N, C-alpha and C. Protein backbone atom coordinates (compact mmCIF):
# COMPACT_ATOMS: atom_id res chain seq x y z
N MET A 1 0.88 -8.56 -3.59
CA MET A 1 1.50 -7.26 -3.65
C MET A 1 1.64 -6.75 -5.08
N GLU A 2 1.57 -7.65 -6.02
CA GLU A 2 1.78 -7.24 -7.41
C GLU A 2 0.81 -6.13 -7.85
N PRO A 3 -0.50 -6.22 -7.55
CA PRO A 3 -1.38 -5.12 -7.96
C PRO A 3 -0.99 -3.79 -7.32
N VAL A 4 -0.48 -3.85 -6.10
CA VAL A 4 -0.08 -2.62 -5.40
C VAL A 4 1.15 -2.02 -6.08
N THR A 5 2.15 -2.82 -6.35
CA THR A 5 3.35 -2.27 -7.00
C THR A 5 3.06 -1.83 -8.43
N GLU A 6 2.19 -2.54 -9.12
CA GLU A 6 1.81 -2.12 -10.48
C GLU A 6 1.10 -0.77 -10.43
N TRP A 7 0.23 -0.57 -9.45
CA TRP A 7 -0.48 0.70 -9.31
C TRP A 7 0.52 1.83 -9.06
N ILE A 8 1.46 1.60 -8.15
CA ILE A 8 2.46 2.62 -7.83
C ILE A 8 3.29 2.95 -9.07
N HIS A 9 3.72 1.93 -9.81
CA HIS A 9 4.48 2.18 -11.05
C HIS A 9 3.62 2.92 -12.07
N GLY A 10 2.34 2.58 -12.15
CA GLY A 10 1.45 3.26 -13.09
C GLY A 10 1.28 4.74 -12.77
N LYS A 11 1.29 5.08 -11.49
CA LYS A 11 1.17 6.48 -11.07
C LYS A 11 2.50 7.23 -11.16
N ASN A 12 3.58 6.48 -11.29
CA ASN A 12 4.92 7.07 -11.32
C ASN A 12 5.70 6.51 -12.51
N PRO A 13 5.33 6.91 -13.72
CA PRO A 13 5.94 6.32 -14.91
C PRO A 13 7.45 6.53 -15.02
N ASP A 14 8.00 7.50 -14.31
CA ASP A 14 9.44 7.73 -14.35
C ASP A 14 10.20 6.82 -13.38
N LEU A 15 9.47 6.05 -12.59
CA LEU A 15 10.09 5.17 -11.61
C LEU A 15 10.69 3.96 -12.32
N ASP A 16 11.98 3.79 -12.16
CA ASP A 16 12.67 2.65 -12.76
C ASP A 16 12.98 1.62 -11.70
N GLY A 17 12.85 0.37 -12.04
CA GLY A 17 13.24 -0.70 -11.13
C GLY A 17 12.22 -1.00 -10.06
N PRO A 18 12.56 -1.97 -9.23
CA PRO A 18 11.63 -2.38 -8.18
C PRO A 18 11.58 -1.36 -7.04
N ILE A 19 10.51 -1.44 -6.28
CA ILE A 19 10.33 -0.59 -5.11
C ILE A 19 10.80 -1.39 -3.90
N GLY A 20 11.67 -0.83 -3.11
CA GLY A 20 12.17 -1.50 -1.92
C GLY A 20 11.05 -1.74 -0.92
N ALA A 21 11.05 -2.90 -0.29
CA ALA A 21 9.99 -3.27 0.64
C ALA A 21 9.90 -2.31 1.83
N ASP A 22 11.00 -1.66 2.18
CA ASP A 22 11.01 -0.71 3.29
C ASP A 22 11.18 0.74 2.85
N GLU A 23 11.05 0.99 1.55
CA GLU A 23 11.14 2.36 1.06
C GLU A 23 9.92 3.14 1.53
N ASP A 24 10.13 4.35 2.00
CA ASP A 24 9.04 5.19 2.46
C ASP A 24 8.30 5.75 1.24
N LEU A 25 7.15 5.19 0.97
CA LEU A 25 6.38 5.53 -0.23
C LEU A 25 5.86 6.96 -0.19
N ILE A 26 5.59 7.45 1.00
CA ILE A 26 5.05 8.80 1.15
C ILE A 26 6.17 9.83 1.02
N GLU A 27 7.26 9.63 1.72
CA GLU A 27 8.39 10.55 1.63
C GLU A 27 8.94 10.60 0.21
N ALA A 28 8.94 9.46 -0.48
CA ALA A 28 9.43 9.40 -1.86
C ALA A 28 8.39 9.93 -2.85
N ARG A 29 7.23 10.31 -2.33
CA ARG A 29 6.12 10.85 -3.14
C ARG A 29 5.61 9.86 -4.19
N LEU A 30 5.69 8.58 -3.86
CA LEU A 30 5.16 7.56 -4.76
C LEU A 30 3.66 7.39 -4.58
N ILE A 31 3.18 7.77 -3.41
CA ILE A 31 1.74 7.86 -3.14
C ILE A 31 1.50 9.28 -2.64
N ASP A 32 0.65 10.02 -3.33
CA ASP A 32 0.39 11.38 -2.88
C ASP A 32 -1.07 11.53 -2.45
N SER A 33 -1.36 12.67 -1.86
CA SER A 33 -2.69 12.89 -1.29
C SER A 33 -3.79 12.87 -2.35
N LEU A 34 -3.48 13.24 -3.57
CA LEU A 34 -4.49 13.25 -4.62
C LEU A 34 -4.93 11.85 -5.01
N ASP A 35 -4.02 10.90 -4.91
CA ASP A 35 -4.32 9.52 -5.31
C ASP A 35 -4.60 8.60 -4.12
N PHE A 36 -4.59 9.15 -2.90
CA PHE A 36 -4.67 8.31 -1.72
C PHE A 36 -5.98 7.52 -1.65
N LEU A 37 -7.11 8.15 -1.92
CA LEU A 37 -8.39 7.42 -1.87
C LEU A 37 -8.45 6.32 -2.92
N GLU A 38 -7.92 6.58 -4.08
CA GLU A 38 -7.85 5.54 -5.11
C GLU A 38 -7.00 4.36 -4.61
N PHE A 39 -5.93 4.67 -3.91
CA PHE A 39 -5.06 3.64 -3.35
C PHE A 39 -5.81 2.83 -2.29
N ILE A 40 -6.59 3.50 -1.47
CA ILE A 40 -7.40 2.81 -0.46
C ILE A 40 -8.36 1.84 -1.14
N TYR A 41 -9.03 2.29 -2.18
CA TYR A 41 -9.96 1.42 -2.92
C TYR A 41 -9.24 0.21 -3.51
N LEU A 42 -8.03 0.43 -4.01
CA LEU A 42 -7.23 -0.68 -4.53
C LEU A 42 -6.96 -1.70 -3.42
N LEU A 43 -6.50 -1.22 -2.26
CA LEU A 43 -6.22 -2.14 -1.16
C LEU A 43 -7.47 -2.88 -0.71
N GLU A 44 -8.60 -2.21 -0.69
CA GLU A 44 -9.85 -2.88 -0.33
C GLU A 44 -10.19 -3.97 -1.34
N SER A 45 -9.98 -3.68 -2.60
CA SER A 45 -10.26 -4.65 -3.65
C SER A 45 -9.33 -5.85 -3.55
N VAL A 46 -8.05 -5.61 -3.34
CA VAL A 46 -7.07 -6.68 -3.27
C VAL A 46 -7.26 -7.53 -2.01
N SER A 47 -7.56 -6.89 -0.89
CA SER A 47 -7.69 -7.60 0.38
C SER A 47 -9.06 -8.21 0.58
N GLY A 48 -10.07 -7.67 -0.12
CA GLY A 48 -11.44 -8.14 0.09
C GLY A 48 -12.05 -7.64 1.38
N ARG A 49 -11.42 -6.63 1.98
CA ARG A 49 -11.91 -6.07 3.24
C ARG A 49 -12.06 -4.55 3.12
N THR A 50 -13.00 -4.01 3.87
CA THR A 50 -13.18 -2.57 3.94
C THR A 50 -12.15 -1.99 4.89
N ILE A 51 -11.59 -0.86 4.53
CA ILE A 51 -10.62 -0.19 5.38
C ILE A 51 -11.33 0.99 6.04
N ASP A 52 -11.43 0.96 7.36
CA ASP A 52 -12.03 2.05 8.12
C ASP A 52 -10.93 3.07 8.38
N LEU A 53 -11.05 4.23 7.78
CA LEU A 53 -10.00 5.24 7.87
C LEU A 53 -9.81 5.77 9.28
N GLN A 54 -10.77 5.52 10.15
CA GLN A 54 -10.61 5.95 11.54
C GLN A 54 -9.80 4.95 12.35
N GLU A 55 -9.53 3.78 11.76
CA GLU A 55 -8.78 2.74 12.47
C GLU A 55 -7.36 2.55 11.92
N VAL A 56 -6.94 3.43 11.05
CA VAL A 56 -5.59 3.33 10.47
C VAL A 56 -4.87 4.65 10.65
N SER A 57 -3.56 4.59 10.46
CA SER A 57 -2.76 5.82 10.48
C SER A 57 -1.95 5.89 9.18
N ILE A 58 -1.38 7.03 8.94
CA ILE A 58 -0.58 7.20 7.72
C ILE A 58 0.58 6.22 7.70
N ASP A 59 1.07 5.83 8.86
CA ASP A 59 2.18 4.89 8.92
C ASP A 59 1.81 3.51 8.38
N ASP A 60 0.52 3.18 8.37
CA ASP A 60 0.07 1.90 7.82
C ASP A 60 0.26 1.82 6.31
N PHE A 61 0.52 2.96 5.68
CA PHE A 61 0.67 3.03 4.22
C PHE A 61 2.08 3.43 3.80
N ARG A 62 2.98 3.52 4.74
CA ARG A 62 4.30 4.09 4.49
C ARG A 62 5.23 3.20 3.67
N THR A 63 5.20 1.88 3.89
CA THR A 63 6.10 0.97 3.16
C THR A 63 5.31 -0.22 2.64
N LEU A 64 5.88 -0.90 1.66
CA LEU A 64 5.24 -2.11 1.14
C LEU A 64 5.14 -3.18 2.23
N ASN A 65 6.17 -3.29 3.07
CA ASN A 65 6.12 -4.27 4.15
C ASN A 65 4.97 -3.98 5.10
N ARG A 66 4.79 -2.72 5.46
CA ARG A 66 3.71 -2.36 6.38
C ARG A 66 2.35 -2.56 5.73
N ILE A 67 2.21 -2.24 4.47
CA ILE A 67 0.95 -2.46 3.75
C ILE A 67 0.62 -3.94 3.73
N ARG A 68 1.61 -4.76 3.43
CA ARG A 68 1.40 -6.22 3.41
C ARG A 68 0.95 -6.70 4.79
N GLU A 69 1.68 -6.27 5.81
CA GLU A 69 1.40 -6.69 7.17
C GLU A 69 0.01 -6.24 7.64
N ARG A 70 -0.34 -5.01 7.34
CA ARG A 70 -1.58 -4.42 7.86
C ARG A 70 -2.82 -4.81 7.07
N PHE A 71 -2.69 -4.94 5.75
CA PHE A 71 -3.88 -5.10 4.92
C PHE A 71 -3.93 -6.40 4.11
N LEU A 72 -2.79 -7.01 3.84
CA LEU A 72 -2.79 -8.14 2.92
C LEU A 72 -2.40 -9.46 3.57
N THR A 73 -2.23 -9.47 4.87
CA THR A 73 -1.92 -10.68 5.59
C THR A 73 -3.15 -11.09 6.40
N THR A 74 -3.55 -12.32 6.23
CA THR A 74 -4.69 -12.79 6.99
C THR A 74 -4.30 -13.00 8.44
N THR A 75 -5.26 -13.08 9.33
CA THR A 75 -5.00 -13.31 10.75
C THR A 75 -4.23 -14.59 10.95
N THR A 76 -4.56 -15.62 10.19
CA THR A 76 -3.87 -16.91 10.29
C THR A 76 -2.40 -16.78 9.90
N GLU A 77 -2.11 -16.07 8.81
CA GLU A 77 -0.73 -15.89 8.38
C GLU A 77 0.05 -15.06 9.40
N ALA A 78 -0.57 -14.07 9.98
CA ALA A 78 0.11 -13.19 10.95
C ALA A 78 0.46 -13.97 12.22
N ALA A 79 -0.31 -14.99 12.54
CA ALA A 79 -0.07 -15.77 13.76
C ALA A 79 1.12 -16.72 13.61
N ARG A 80 1.54 -17.02 12.39
CA ARG A 80 2.65 -17.95 12.16
C ARG A 80 3.96 -17.44 12.62
């Protein structure tokens, strides 16, 4: 998750402190539509998987917990 939170902090230099795991990143405008594709590329790079935009919803990107669960957790880890 560190690359994800670093990216968010880099795009929001006025953001102080940690980002809450359940904070709504979209409502808080920490991820906006102009940077969304760049964010997708970051997640693909970090996860090593391609993200098919037809198989996801905006809610998959709403919180750090959901991002971790949807994109950064392997099938084996999710089964635990």
